[in-house]
């Protein structure tokens, strides 16, 4: 849970900042960040394996990295787990900015003398946050599926690691409660995100009358 929570926070912050920076640099509505799209198409397992290879190379060159337990037990799984969701959030933020740039309230902001940077980082931030909150259940699903690979290859003994462990041992009495706990965590998170979206999004918190 600590790894998932840390990954979720780190992913959201870096993804929003990177997406807004791409939106600030872009002068047209085209998706100019081809590298992000290519990277997003790489299979999760390959990303984990490449991270492991990078860790092995660094450990040979710098023995102190190999001796640092927190690097292998926390830092490497955390970095590996956040890569794909970060790119995903970055794309959502970038696309949202490109969609909102042509709307009237943005044109009014430019007409008032707002710079492009100020308009994107102040006026368009709520729209990007609303879209990301709506996508959080999908991002959480992405994190959980990636956790299976990360925990198994890094031997990170988390909830999914033990879930697979009990499954292979055919330990029904341990597997079923753990699976139910994981399902409860996912449902609680999803319902909480939906409630948060209704509370902070004015278009969802009020009823629209015709």
N, C-alpha and C. Protein backbone atom coordinates (compact mmCIF):
# COMPACT_ATOMS: atom_id res chain seq x y z
N UNK A 1 0.82 -1.21 0.00
CA UNK A 1 0.00 0.00 0.00
C UNK A 1 0.86 1.26 0.00
N UNK A 2 1.96 1.22 0.73
CA UNK A 2 2.85 2.39 0.75
C UNK A 2 3.47 2.60 -0.63
N UNK A 3 3.81 1.52 -1.32
CA UNK A 3 4.40 1.65 -2.65
C UNK A 3 3.37 2.18 -3.65
N UNK A 4 2.14 1.68 -3.58
CA UNK A 4 1.09 2.15 -4.49
C UNK A 4 0.79 3.63 -4.21
N UNK A 5 0.68 4.00 -2.94
CA UNK A 5 0.37 5.39 -2.59
C UNK A 5 1.47 6.34 -3.06
N UNK A 6 2.72 5.95 -2.80
CA UNK A 6 3.84 6.79 -3.24
C UNK A 6 3.88 6.90 -4.76
N UNK A 7 3.62 5.80 -5.44
CA UNK A 7 3.62 5.81 -6.91
C UNK A 7 2.51 6.69 -7.45
N UNK A 8 1.34 6.64 -6.81
CA UNK A 8 0.20 7.43 -7.27
C UNK A 8 0.48 8.93 -7.13
N UNK A 9 1.05 9.32 -6.00
CA UNK A 9 1.36 10.73 -5.77
C UNK A 9 2.45 11.20 -6.73
N UNK A 10 3.52 10.42 -6.85
CA UNK A 10 4.64 10.80 -7.72
C UNK A 10 4.20 10.85 -9.18
N UNK A 11 3.40 9.87 -9.58
CA UNK A 11 2.91 9.82 -10.96
C UNK A 11 2.06 11.03 -11.29
N UNK A 12 1.16 11.40 -10.38
CA UNK A 12 0.25 12.51 -10.64
C UNK A 12 1.01 13.83 -10.75
N UNK A 13 1.93 14.07 -9.83
CA UNK A 13 2.68 15.33 -9.83
C UNK A 13 3.54 15.46 -11.08
N UNK A 14 4.34 14.43 -11.36
CA UNK A 14 5.24 14.50 -12.51
C UNK A 14 4.45 14.54 -13.81
N UNK A 15 3.38 13.74 -13.90
CA UNK A 15 2.58 13.70 -15.12
C UNK A 15 1.93 15.04 -15.43
N UNK A 16 1.36 15.69 -14.41
CA UNK A 16 0.72 17.00 -14.63
C UNK A 16 1.74 18.05 -15.04
N UNK A 17 2.86 18.10 -14.32
CA UNK A 17 3.89 19.10 -14.63
C UNK A 17 4.45 18.89 -16.04
N UNK A 18 4.71 17.64 -16.39
CA UNK A 18 5.27 17.36 -17.71
C UNK A 18 4.25 17.66 -18.82
N UNK A 19 2.99 17.29 -18.60
CA UNK A 19 1.96 17.55 -19.60
C UNK A 19 1.72 19.03 -19.81
N UNK A 20 1.73 19.80 -18.74
CA UNK A 20 1.53 21.24 -18.85
C UNK A 20 2.74 21.91 -19.50
N UNK A 21 3.91 21.39 -19.24
CA UNK A 21 5.11 21.93 -19.89
C UNK A 21 5.08 21.67 -21.39
N UNK A 22 4.64 20.46 -21.78
CA UNK A 22 4.49 20.15 -23.20
C UNK A 22 3.45 21.07 -23.84
N UNK A 23 2.35 21.30 -23.11
CA UNK A 23 1.33 22.20 -23.63
C UNK A 23 1.83 23.62 -23.76
N UNK A 24 2.70 24.05 -22.86
CA UNK A 24 3.27 25.39 -22.92
C UNK A 24 4.21 25.53 -24.12
N UNK A 25 4.99 24.49 -24.39
CA UNK A 25 5.94 24.54 -25.50
C UNK A 25 5.26 24.44 -26.86
N UNK A 26 4.17 23.68 -26.91
CA UNK A 26 3.50 23.45 -28.18
C UNK A 26 2.75 24.69 -28.63
N UNK A 27 2.90 25.06 -29.88
CA UNK A 27 2.21 26.21 -30.45
C UNK A 27 1.03 25.81 -31.32
N UNK A 28 0.84 24.52 -31.53
CA UNK A 28 -0.26 24.03 -32.35
C UNK A 28 -0.99 22.95 -31.59
N UNK A 29 -2.04 22.41 -32.17
CA UNK A 29 -2.85 21.38 -31.53
C UNK A 29 -2.37 19.97 -31.85
N UNK A 30 -1.23 19.84 -32.54
CA UNK A 30 -0.72 18.52 -32.88
C UNK A 30 -0.03 17.90 -31.66
N UNK A 31 -0.05 16.57 -31.63
CA UNK A 31 0.66 15.86 -30.57
C UNK A 31 2.12 15.75 -30.98
N UNK A 32 2.92 16.64 -30.43
CA UNK A 32 4.31 16.71 -30.87
C UNK A 32 5.22 15.77 -30.11
N UNK A 33 4.77 15.27 -28.99
CA UNK A 33 5.65 14.42 -28.19
C UNK A 33 5.55 12.98 -28.67
N UNK A 34 6.21 12.70 -29.78
CA UNK A 34 6.16 11.35 -30.33
C UNK A 34 6.88 10.36 -29.42
N UNK A 35 7.92 10.84 -28.75
CA UNK A 35 8.67 9.96 -27.86
C UNK A 35 7.80 9.39 -26.75
N UNK A 36 6.88 10.20 -26.22
CA UNK A 36 5.98 9.71 -25.17
C UNK A 36 5.06 8.62 -25.70
N UNK A 37 4.55 8.81 -26.91
CA UNK A 37 3.65 7.81 -27.49
C UNK A 37 4.38 6.50 -27.76
N UNK A 38 5.62 6.61 -28.24
CA UNK A 38 6.40 5.40 -28.49
C UNK A 38 6.71 4.68 -27.19
N UNK A 39 7.10 5.46 -26.19
CA UNK A 39 7.43 4.86 -24.90
C UNK A 39 6.22 4.20 -24.26
N UNK A 40 5.04 4.81 -24.43
CA UNK A 40 3.82 4.28 -23.84
C UNK A 40 3.43 2.94 -24.46
N UNK A 41 3.90 2.68 -25.69
CA UNK A 41 3.56 1.43 -26.36
C UNK A 41 4.47 0.28 -25.97
N UNK A 42 5.52 0.56 -25.21
CA UNK A 42 6.43 -0.50 -24.78
C UNK A 42 5.75 -1.36 -23.72
N UNK A 43 5.83 -2.69 -23.83
CA UNK A 43 5.20 -3.57 -22.83
C UNK A 43 5.77 -3.33 -21.44
N UNK A 44 4.91 -3.50 -20.43
CA UNK A 44 5.32 -3.25 -19.04
C UNK A 44 6.47 -4.16 -18.62
N UNK A 45 6.40 -5.43 -19.03
CA UNK A 45 7.44 -6.39 -18.64
C UNK A 45 8.79 -5.95 -19.17
N UNK A 46 8.82 -5.44 -20.41
CA UNK A 46 10.08 -4.99 -21.00
C UNK A 46 10.66 -3.82 -20.22
N UNK A 47 9.78 -2.91 -19.77
CA UNK A 47 10.25 -1.77 -18.99
C UNK A 47 10.88 -2.24 -17.68
N UNK A 48 10.24 -3.21 -17.03
CA UNK A 48 10.80 -3.75 -15.78
C UNK A 48 12.15 -4.41 -16.04
N UNK A 49 12.23 -5.20 -17.10
CA UNK A 49 13.49 -5.88 -17.41
C UNK A 49 14.60 -4.88 -17.74
N UNK A 50 14.26 -3.82 -18.47
CA UNK A 50 15.26 -2.80 -18.77
C UNK A 50 15.71 -2.08 -17.51
N UNK A 51 14.78 -1.86 -16.59
CA UNK A 51 15.15 -1.24 -15.32
C UNK A 51 16.07 -2.14 -14.51
N UNK A 52 15.77 -3.44 -14.52
CA UNK A 52 16.64 -4.39 -13.83
C UNK A 52 18.03 -4.42 -14.44
N UNK A 53 18.09 -4.38 -15.77
CA UNK A 53 19.39 -4.37 -16.45
C UNK A 53 20.16 -3.11 -16.09
N UNK A 54 19.47 -1.97 -16.07
CA UNK A 54 20.13 -0.72 -15.70
C UNK A 54 20.65 -0.77 -14.27
N UNK A 55 19.84 -1.36 -13.38
CA UNK A 55 20.27 -1.50 -11.98
C UNK A 55 21.50 -2.39 -11.87
N UNK A 56 21.54 -3.48 -12.66
CA UNK A 56 22.68 -4.40 -12.63
C UNK A 56 23.95 -3.71 -13.12
N UNK A 57 23.84 -2.90 -14.17
CA UNK A 57 25.00 -2.19 -14.70
C UNK A 57 25.52 -1.18 -13.69
N UNK A 58 24.60 -0.42 -13.07
CA UNK A 58 25.02 0.55 -12.07
C UNK A 58 25.62 -0.12 -10.84
N UNK A 59 25.07 -1.27 -10.45
CA UNK A 59 25.58 -1.98 -9.27
C UNK A 59 27.01 -2.47 -9.49
N UNK A 60 27.32 -2.83 -10.74
CA UNK A 60 28.69 -3.26 -11.02
C UNK A 60 29.67 -2.10 -10.97
N UNK A 61 29.23 -0.95 -11.47
CA UNK A 61 30.11 0.22 -11.48
C UNK A 61 30.20 0.90 -10.12
N UNK A 62 29.11 0.87 -9.38
CA UNK A 62 29.06 1.53 -8.07
C UNK A 62 28.58 0.51 -7.02
N UNK A 63 29.51 -0.18 -6.36
CA UNK A 63 29.13 -1.21 -5.37
C UNK A 63 28.27 -0.68 -4.23
N UNK A 64 28.39 0.59 -3.91
CA UNK A 64 27.59 1.14 -2.80
C UNK A 64 26.11 1.11 -3.14
N UNK A 65 25.76 1.18 -4.42
CA UNK A 65 24.35 1.08 -4.82
C UNK A 65 23.82 -0.31 -4.53
N UNK A 66 24.62 -1.31 -4.80
CA UNK A 66 24.20 -2.70 -4.54
C UNK A 66 24.02 -2.96 -3.06
N UNK A 67 24.85 -2.31 -2.24
CA UNK A 67 24.76 -2.53 -0.80
C UNK A 67 23.60 -1.77 -0.17
N UNK A 68 23.10 -0.74 -0.84
CA UNK A 68 21.98 0.05 -0.31
C UNK A 68 20.68 -0.73 -0.52
N UNK A 69 20.12 -1.26 0.54
CA UNK A 69 18.92 -2.09 0.43
C UNK A 69 17.70 -1.28 -0.04
N UNK A 70 17.62 -0.02 0.37
CA UNK A 70 16.43 0.76 0.02
C UNK A 70 16.34 0.99 -1.49
N UNK A 71 17.50 0.94 -2.19
CA UNK A 71 17.46 1.15 -3.65
C UNK A 71 16.72 0.02 -4.33
N UNK A 72 17.04 -1.22 -3.95
CA UNK A 72 16.39 -2.38 -4.57
C UNK A 72 15.03 -2.65 -3.99
N UNK A 73 14.84 -2.35 -2.71
CA UNK A 73 13.58 -2.69 -2.06
C UNK A 73 12.50 -1.63 -2.23
N UNK A 74 12.89 -0.38 -2.51
CA UNK A 74 11.89 0.67 -2.63
C UNK A 74 12.08 1.53 -3.87
N UNK A 75 13.28 2.07 -4.06
CA UNK A 75 13.49 3.05 -5.11
C UNK A 75 13.29 2.47 -6.51
N UNK A 76 13.88 1.31 -6.80
CA UNK A 76 13.75 0.72 -8.12
C UNK A 76 12.32 0.29 -8.42
N UNK A 77 11.62 -0.41 -7.51
CA UNK A 77 10.20 -0.70 -7.79
C UNK A 77 9.36 0.55 -7.97
N UNK A 78 9.64 1.60 -7.17
CA UNK A 78 8.87 2.83 -7.26
C UNK A 78 9.05 3.49 -8.63
N UNK A 79 10.30 3.61 -9.07
CA UNK A 79 10.57 4.24 -10.36
C UNK A 79 9.96 3.43 -11.50
N UNK A 80 10.09 2.12 -11.43
CA UNK A 80 9.55 1.26 -12.49
C UNK A 80 8.03 1.34 -12.54
N UNK A 81 7.41 1.39 -11.39
CA UNK A 81 5.95 1.41 -11.33
C UNK A 81 5.36 2.73 -11.82
N UNK A 82 6.10 3.82 -11.70
CA UNK A 82 5.54 5.13 -12.05
C UNK A 82 5.74 5.52 -13.51
N UNK A 83 6.53 4.78 -14.26
CA UNK A 83 6.87 5.21 -15.62
C UNK A 83 5.64 5.27 -16.52
N UNK A 84 4.93 4.16 -16.68
CA UNK A 84 3.79 4.10 -17.59
C UNK A 84 2.66 5.04 -17.15
N UNK A 85 2.21 5.02 -15.88
CA UNK A 85 1.15 5.95 -15.48
C UNK A 85 1.54 7.42 -15.63
N UNK A 86 2.82 7.75 -15.43
CA UNK A 86 3.26 9.13 -15.60
C UNK A 86 3.09 9.58 -17.04
N UNK A 87 3.47 8.74 -17.98
CA UNK A 87 3.30 9.06 -19.40
C UNK A 87 1.81 9.20 -19.71
N UNK A 88 0.99 8.33 -19.13
CA UNK A 88 -0.46 8.37 -19.37
C UNK A 88 -1.07 9.68 -18.88
N UNK A 89 -0.73 10.08 -17.67
CA UNK A 89 -1.25 11.34 -17.11
C UNK A 89 -0.71 12.53 -17.90
N UNK A 90 0.53 12.45 -18.33
CA UNK A 90 1.11 13.52 -19.12
C UNK A 90 0.34 13.71 -20.42
N UNK A 91 -0.05 12.61 -21.06
CA UNK A 91 -0.79 12.71 -22.31
C UNK A 91 -2.19 13.28 -22.07
N UNK A 92 -2.84 12.87 -20.98
CA UNK A 92 -4.16 13.41 -20.65
C UNK A 92 -4.07 14.92 -20.45
N UNK A 93 -3.07 15.36 -19.70
CA UNK A 93 -2.90 16.79 -19.44
C UNK A 93 -2.63 17.56 -20.72
N UNK A 94 -1.76 17.04 -21.54
CA UNK A 94 -1.40 17.71 -22.79
C UNK A 94 -2.60 17.82 -23.72
N UNK A 95 -3.34 16.72 -23.88
CA UNK A 95 -4.50 16.72 -24.77
C UNK A 95 -5.57 17.67 -24.24
N UNK A 96 -5.78 17.68 -22.93
CA UNK A 96 -6.77 18.58 -22.33
C UNK A 96 -6.41 20.04 -22.61
N UNK A 97 -5.14 20.37 -22.46
CA UNK A 97 -4.71 21.75 -22.72
C UNK A 97 -4.95 22.12 -24.18
N UNK A 98 -4.64 21.21 -25.09
CA UNK A 98 -4.84 21.49 -26.51
C UNK A 98 -6.33 21.66 -26.83
N UNK A 99 -7.18 20.89 -26.17
CA UNK A 99 -8.62 21.01 -26.41
C UNK A 99 -9.18 22.32 -25.84
N UNK A 100 -8.66 22.75 -24.70
CA UNK A 100 -9.20 23.93 -24.03
C UNK A 100 -8.67 25.24 -24.60
N UNK A 101 -7.55 25.20 -25.31
CA UNK A 101 -6.94 26.43 -25.79
C UNK A 101 -7.84 27.19 -26.76
N UNK A 102 -8.70 26.48 -27.47
CA UNK A 102 -9.55 27.15 -28.44
C UNK A 102 -10.88 27.63 -27.89
N UNK A 103 -11.13 27.48 -26.60
CA UNK A 103 -12.42 27.86 -26.03
C UNK A 103 -12.46 29.35 -25.65
N UNK A 104 -13.68 29.84 -25.46
CA UNK A 104 -13.88 31.29 -25.29
C UNK A 104 -13.19 31.83 -24.04
N UNK A 105 -13.25 31.10 -22.92
CA UNK A 105 -12.68 31.66 -21.69
C UNK A 105 -11.17 31.79 -21.79
N UNK A 106 -10.55 30.92 -22.60
CA UNK A 106 -9.10 31.04 -22.81
C UNK A 106 -8.81 32.23 -23.71
N UNK A 107 -9.64 32.42 -24.75
CA UNK A 107 -9.46 33.58 -25.62
C UNK A 107 -9.65 34.88 -24.84
N UNK A 108 -10.58 34.88 -23.91
CA UNK A 108 -10.79 36.07 -23.07
C UNK A 108 -9.58 36.35 -22.19
N UNK A 109 -8.96 35.27 -21.69
CA UNK A 109 -7.76 35.44 -20.87
C UNK A 109 -6.62 36.05 -21.68
N UNK A 110 -6.45 35.57 -22.92
CA UNK A 110 -5.42 36.16 -23.78
C UNK A 110 -5.75 37.61 -24.10
N UNK A 111 -7.06 37.89 -24.29
CA UNK A 111 -7.47 39.26 -24.61
C UNK A 111 -7.19 40.21 -23.44
N UNK A 112 -7.22 39.70 -22.22
CA UNK A 112 -6.94 40.52 -21.04
C UNK A 112 -5.44 40.74 -20.84
N UNK A 113 -4.64 40.12 -21.67
CA UNK A 113 -3.20 40.31 -21.57
C UNK A 113 -2.46 39.20 -20.85
N UNK A 114 -3.15 38.08 -20.54
CA UNK A 114 -2.48 36.97 -19.88
C UNK A 114 -1.48 36.35 -20.84
N UNK A 115 -0.32 36.00 -20.33
CA UNK A 115 0.66 35.31 -21.14
C UNK A 115 0.24 33.86 -21.34
N UNK A 116 0.85 33.19 -22.30
CA UNK A 116 0.53 31.78 -22.55
C UNK A 116 0.85 30.93 -21.32
N UNK A 117 1.96 31.23 -20.68
CA UNK A 117 2.37 30.47 -19.50
C UNK A 117 1.36 30.64 -18.37
N UNK A 118 0.96 31.88 -18.11
CA UNK A 118 0.01 32.14 -17.03
C UNK A 118 -1.35 31.52 -17.34
N UNK A 119 -1.77 31.58 -18.58
CA UNK A 119 -3.06 31.01 -18.96
C UNK A 119 -3.08 29.50 -18.78
N UNK A 120 -2.01 28.84 -19.20
CA UNK A 120 -1.96 27.38 -19.10
C UNK A 120 -1.87 26.92 -17.65
N UNK A 121 -0.98 27.55 -16.88
CA UNK A 121 -0.73 27.08 -15.53
C UNK A 121 -1.75 27.56 -14.51
N UNK A 122 -2.54 28.58 -14.86
CA UNK A 122 -3.55 29.06 -13.92
C UNK A 122 -4.97 28.80 -14.41
N UNK A 123 -5.24 29.12 -15.65
CA UNK A 123 -6.60 29.00 -16.17
C UNK A 123 -6.95 27.56 -16.56
N UNK A 124 -5.99 26.83 -17.11
CA UNK A 124 -6.27 25.49 -17.63
C UNK A 124 -5.99 24.37 -16.63
N UNK A 125 -5.37 24.70 -15.51
CA UNK A 125 -5.06 23.68 -14.51
C UNK A 125 -6.30 22.95 -14.00
N UNK A 126 -7.41 23.64 -13.66
CA UNK A 126 -8.59 22.90 -13.18
C UNK A 126 -9.13 21.91 -14.18
N UNK A 127 -9.17 22.28 -15.47
CA UNK A 127 -9.68 21.36 -16.49
C UNK A 127 -8.83 20.09 -16.57
N UNK A 128 -7.50 20.25 -16.48
CA UNK A 128 -6.62 19.08 -16.52
C UNK A 128 -6.79 18.21 -15.29
N UNK A 129 -6.94 18.84 -14.12
CA UNK A 129 -7.12 18.09 -12.88
C UNK A 129 -8.43 17.30 -12.90
N UNK A 130 -9.50 17.90 -13.42
CA UNK A 130 -10.78 17.20 -13.51
C UNK A 130 -10.67 15.96 -14.39
N UNK A 131 -9.98 16.09 -15.53
CA UNK A 131 -9.82 14.94 -16.43
C UNK A 131 -8.99 13.84 -15.77
N UNK A 132 -7.97 14.22 -15.03
CA UNK A 132 -7.11 13.23 -14.39
C UNK A 132 -7.86 12.51 -13.27
N UNK A 133 -8.66 13.25 -12.52
CA UNK A 133 -9.45 12.62 -11.46
C UNK A 133 -10.43 11.62 -12.06
N UNK A 134 -11.05 11.96 -13.19
CA UNK A 134 -11.95 11.03 -13.85
C UNK A 134 -11.23 9.78 -14.33
N UNK A 135 -9.95 9.92 -14.66
CA UNK A 135 -9.17 8.78 -15.16
C UNK A 135 -8.49 7.99 -14.05
N UNK A 136 -8.62 8.42 -12.79
CA UNK A 136 -7.92 7.76 -11.70
C UNK A 136 -8.25 6.26 -11.54
N UNK A 137 -9.53 5.83 -11.70
CA UNK A 137 -9.78 4.38 -11.64
C UNK A 137 -8.96 3.59 -12.65
N UNK A 138 -8.83 4.12 -13.87
CA UNK A 138 -8.01 3.44 -14.89
C UNK A 138 -6.54 3.45 -14.50
N UNK A 139 -6.09 4.57 -13.92
CA UNK A 139 -4.69 4.66 -13.49
C UNK A 139 -4.42 3.69 -12.35
N UNK A 140 -5.38 3.56 -11.43
CA UNK A 140 -5.23 2.61 -10.34
C UNK A 140 -5.17 1.18 -10.86
N UNK A 141 -6.00 0.85 -11.84
CA UNK A 141 -5.95 -0.47 -12.47
C UNK A 141 -4.59 -0.71 -13.12
N UNK A 142 -4.07 0.32 -13.76
CA UNK A 142 -2.76 0.23 -14.39
C UNK A 142 -1.66 -0.03 -13.36
N UNK A 143 -1.75 0.66 -12.22
CA UNK A 143 -0.76 0.46 -11.17
C UNK A 143 -0.82 -0.96 -10.61
N UNK A 144 -2.02 -1.47 -10.39
CA UNK A 144 -2.16 -2.81 -9.82
C UNK A 144 -1.66 -3.87 -10.77
N UNK A 145 -1.96 -3.73 -12.06
CA UNK A 145 -1.47 -4.72 -13.02
C UNK A 145 0.05 -4.66 -13.15
N UNK A 146 0.61 -3.44 -13.10
CA UNK A 146 2.06 -3.31 -13.14
C UNK A 146 2.71 -3.84 -11.86
N UNK A 147 1.99 -3.74 -10.74
CA UNK A 147 2.53 -4.22 -9.47
C UNK A 147 2.80 -5.72 -9.51
N UNK A 148 1.98 -6.46 -10.24
CA UNK A 148 2.19 -7.90 -10.35
C UNK A 148 3.57 -8.19 -10.91
N UNK A 149 3.93 -7.47 -11.98
CA UNK A 149 5.23 -7.67 -12.62
C UNK A 149 6.35 -7.15 -11.74
N UNK A 150 6.16 -5.96 -11.19
CA UNK A 150 7.22 -5.32 -10.39
C UNK A 150 7.53 -6.14 -9.14
N UNK A 151 6.49 -6.57 -8.42
CA UNK A 151 6.72 -7.31 -7.19
C UNK A 151 7.36 -8.67 -7.46
N UNK A 152 6.95 -9.31 -8.54
CA UNK A 152 7.47 -10.65 -8.81
C UNK A 152 8.93 -10.61 -9.24
N UNK A 153 9.30 -9.66 -10.10
CA UNK A 153 10.67 -9.61 -10.61
C UNK A 153 11.63 -8.95 -9.62
N UNK A 154 11.15 -8.00 -8.83
CA UNK A 154 12.00 -7.37 -7.83
C UNK A 154 11.94 -8.08 -6.47
N UNK A 155 11.14 -9.13 -6.39
CA UNK A 155 10.93 -9.85 -5.12
C UNK A 155 10.47 -8.90 -4.02
N UNK A 156 9.63 -7.95 -4.43
CA UNK A 156 9.06 -7.01 -3.47
C UNK A 156 7.86 -7.70 -2.81
N UNK A 157 7.96 -7.96 -1.52
CA UNK A 157 6.95 -8.79 -0.86
C UNK A 157 5.75 -7.95 -0.42
N UNK A 158 4.95 -7.60 -1.41
CA UNK A 158 3.72 -6.86 -1.18
C UNK A 158 2.50 -7.75 -1.31
N UNK A 159 1.34 -7.14 -1.39
CA UNK A 159 0.09 -7.89 -1.37
C UNK A 159 -0.07 -8.77 -2.62
N UNK A 160 0.35 -8.27 -3.78
CA UNK A 160 0.23 -9.06 -5.00
C UNK A 160 1.27 -10.18 -5.06
N UNK A 161 2.43 -9.94 -4.47
CA UNK A 161 3.44 -10.99 -4.39
C UNK A 161 2.92 -12.18 -3.61
N UNK A 162 2.30 -11.90 -2.46
CA UNK A 162 1.77 -12.98 -1.65
C UNK A 162 0.51 -13.59 -2.27
N UNK A 163 -0.21 -12.80 -3.05
CA UNK A 163 -1.38 -13.32 -3.74
C UNK A 163 -0.96 -14.41 -4.73
N UNK A 164 0.07 -14.13 -5.50
CA UNK A 164 0.59 -15.14 -6.42
C UNK A 164 1.24 -16.31 -5.67
N UNK A 165 1.88 -15.98 -4.57
CA UNK A 165 2.54 -17.02 -3.76
C UNK A 165 1.52 -18.03 -3.23
N UNK A 166 0.41 -17.53 -2.66
CA UNK A 166 -0.62 -18.43 -2.13
C UNK A 166 -1.35 -19.16 -3.25
N UNK A 167 -1.46 -18.51 -4.41
CA UNK A 167 -2.12 -19.17 -5.54
C UNK A 167 -1.30 -20.37 -6.02
N UNK A 168 0.00 -20.21 -6.09
CA UNK A 168 0.86 -21.32 -6.54
C UNK A 168 0.89 -22.46 -5.52
N UNK A 169 0.72 -22.12 -4.25
CA UNK A 169 0.71 -23.14 -3.20
C UNK A 169 -0.69 -23.73 -2.98
N UNK A 170 -1.68 -23.23 -3.74
CA UNK A 170 -3.07 -23.68 -3.62
C UNK A 170 -3.59 -23.51 -2.19
N UNK A 171 -3.15 -22.42 -1.57
CA UNK A 171 -3.58 -22.10 -0.21
C UNK A 171 -4.84 -21.23 -0.29
N UNK A 172 -5.99 -21.89 -0.36
CA UNK A 172 -7.26 -21.19 -0.57
C UNK A 172 -7.59 -20.30 0.62
N UNK A 173 -7.32 -20.76 1.81
CA UNK A 173 -7.70 -20.02 3.02
C UNK A 173 -6.89 -18.73 3.19
N UNK A 174 -5.75 -18.64 2.56
CA UNK A 174 -4.97 -17.40 2.59
C UNK A 174 -5.22 -16.57 1.33
N UNK A 175 -5.43 -17.26 0.19
CA UNK A 175 -5.61 -16.55 -1.07
C UNK A 175 -6.92 -15.77 -1.12
N UNK A 176 -8.01 -16.40 -0.71
CA UNK A 176 -9.33 -15.76 -0.83
C UNK A 176 -9.43 -14.50 0.03
N UNK A 177 -9.05 -14.52 1.33
CA UNK A 177 -9.13 -13.27 2.10
C UNK A 177 -8.24 -12.16 1.55
N UNK A 178 -7.06 -12.54 1.03
CA UNK A 178 -6.15 -11.54 0.48
C UNK A 178 -6.73 -10.94 -0.80
N UNK A 179 -7.33 -11.79 -1.65
CA UNK A 179 -7.96 -11.30 -2.87
C UNK A 179 -9.14 -10.39 -2.55
N UNK A 180 -9.92 -10.75 -1.53
CA UNK A 180 -11.05 -9.91 -1.12
C UNK A 180 -10.56 -8.56 -0.57
N UNK A 181 -9.45 -8.60 0.16
CA UNK A 181 -8.87 -7.35 0.67
C UNK A 181 -8.42 -6.45 -0.46
N UNK A 182 -7.77 -7.04 -1.47
CA UNK A 182 -7.34 -6.25 -2.62
C UNK A 182 -8.54 -5.67 -3.36
N UNK A 183 -9.58 -6.45 -3.53
CA UNK A 183 -10.79 -5.96 -4.18
C UNK A 183 -11.45 -4.84 -3.39
N UNK A 184 -11.46 -4.97 -2.06
CA UNK A 184 -12.02 -3.92 -1.21
C UNK A 184 -11.23 -2.63 -1.31
N UNK A 185 -9.91 -2.75 -1.38
CA UNK A 185 -9.07 -1.56 -1.54
C UNK A 185 -9.39 -0.86 -2.86
N UNK A 186 -9.52 -1.64 -3.93
CA UNK A 186 -9.80 -1.05 -5.24
C UNK A 186 -11.18 -0.38 -5.27
N UNK A 187 -12.18 -1.06 -4.71
CA UNK A 187 -13.53 -0.49 -4.70
C UNK A 187 -13.59 0.78 -3.87
N UNK A 188 -12.93 0.76 -2.71
CA UNK A 188 -12.91 1.95 -1.85
C UNK A 188 -12.24 3.11 -2.55
N UNK A 189 -11.13 2.84 -3.20
CA UNK A 189 -10.43 3.90 -3.93
C UNK A 189 -11.29 4.45 -5.06
N UNK A 190 -11.90 3.56 -5.83
CA UNK A 190 -12.72 4.00 -6.97
C UNK A 190 -13.90 4.84 -6.52
N UNK A 191 -14.61 4.36 -5.47
CA UNK A 191 -15.76 5.12 -4.97
C UNK A 191 -15.33 6.46 -4.39
N UNK A 192 -14.19 6.46 -3.72
CA UNK A 192 -13.68 7.71 -3.15
C UNK A 192 -13.34 8.73 -4.24
N UNK A 193 -12.74 8.26 -5.33
CA UNK A 193 -12.40 9.15 -6.44
C UNK A 193 -13.67 9.70 -7.09
N UNK A 194 -14.69 8.86 -7.25
CA UNK A 194 -15.95 9.31 -7.83
C UNK A 194 -16.62 10.36 -6.95
N UNK A 195 -16.56 10.16 -5.64
CA UNK A 195 -17.12 11.15 -4.72
C UNK A 195 -16.34 12.46 -4.77
N UNK A 196 -15.01 12.35 -4.84
CA UNK A 196 -14.17 13.54 -4.93
C UNK A 196 -14.46 14.31 -6.21
N UNK A 197 -14.66 13.58 -7.31
CA UNK A 197 -14.96 14.24 -8.59
C UNK A 197 -16.27 15.01 -8.52
N UNK A 198 -17.27 14.45 -7.84
CA UNK A 198 -18.56 15.15 -7.71
C UNK A 198 -18.45 16.37 -6.80
N UNK A 199 -17.54 16.31 -5.83
CA UNK A 199 -17.41 17.41 -4.88
C UNK A 199 -16.68 18.62 -5.47
N UNK A 200 -15.65 18.36 -6.27
CA UNK A 200 -14.81 19.47 -6.74
C UNK A 200 -15.13 19.90 -8.16
N UNK A 201 -15.79 19.05 -8.93
CA UNK A 201 -16.12 19.42 -10.31
C UNK A 201 -17.49 20.08 -10.35
N UNK A 202 -17.57 21.35 -10.70
CA UNK A 202 -18.87 22.04 -10.69
C UNK A 202 -19.87 21.45 -11.67
N UNK A 203 -19.40 20.84 -12.75
CA UNK A 203 -20.31 20.26 -13.73
C UNK A 203 -20.92 18.96 -13.24
N UNK A 204 -20.30 18.33 -12.24
CA UNK A 204 -20.86 17.10 -11.67
C UNK A 204 -21.54 17.32 -10.34
N UNK A 205 -21.18 18.43 -9.67
CA UNK A 205 -21.75 18.67 -8.34
C UNK A 205 -23.11 19.36 -8.39
N UNK A 206 -23.45 19.92 -9.56
CA UNK A 206 -24.75 20.58 -9.66
C UNK A 206 -25.56 19.96 -10.79
N UNK A 207 -26.84 20.00 -10.66
CA UNK A 207 -27.72 19.47 -11.68
C UNK A 207 -27.96 20.52 -12.76
N UNK A 208 -27.94 20.08 -14.00
CA UNK A 208 -28.13 20.99 -15.11
C UNK A 208 -29.59 20.97 -15.52
N UNK A 209 -30.22 22.13 -15.49
CA UNK A 209 -31.63 22.24 -15.87
C UNK A 209 -31.73 22.81 -17.29
N UNK A 210 -32.60 22.22 -18.04
CA UNK A 210 -32.84 22.70 -19.40
C UNK A 210 -33.87 23.83 -19.37
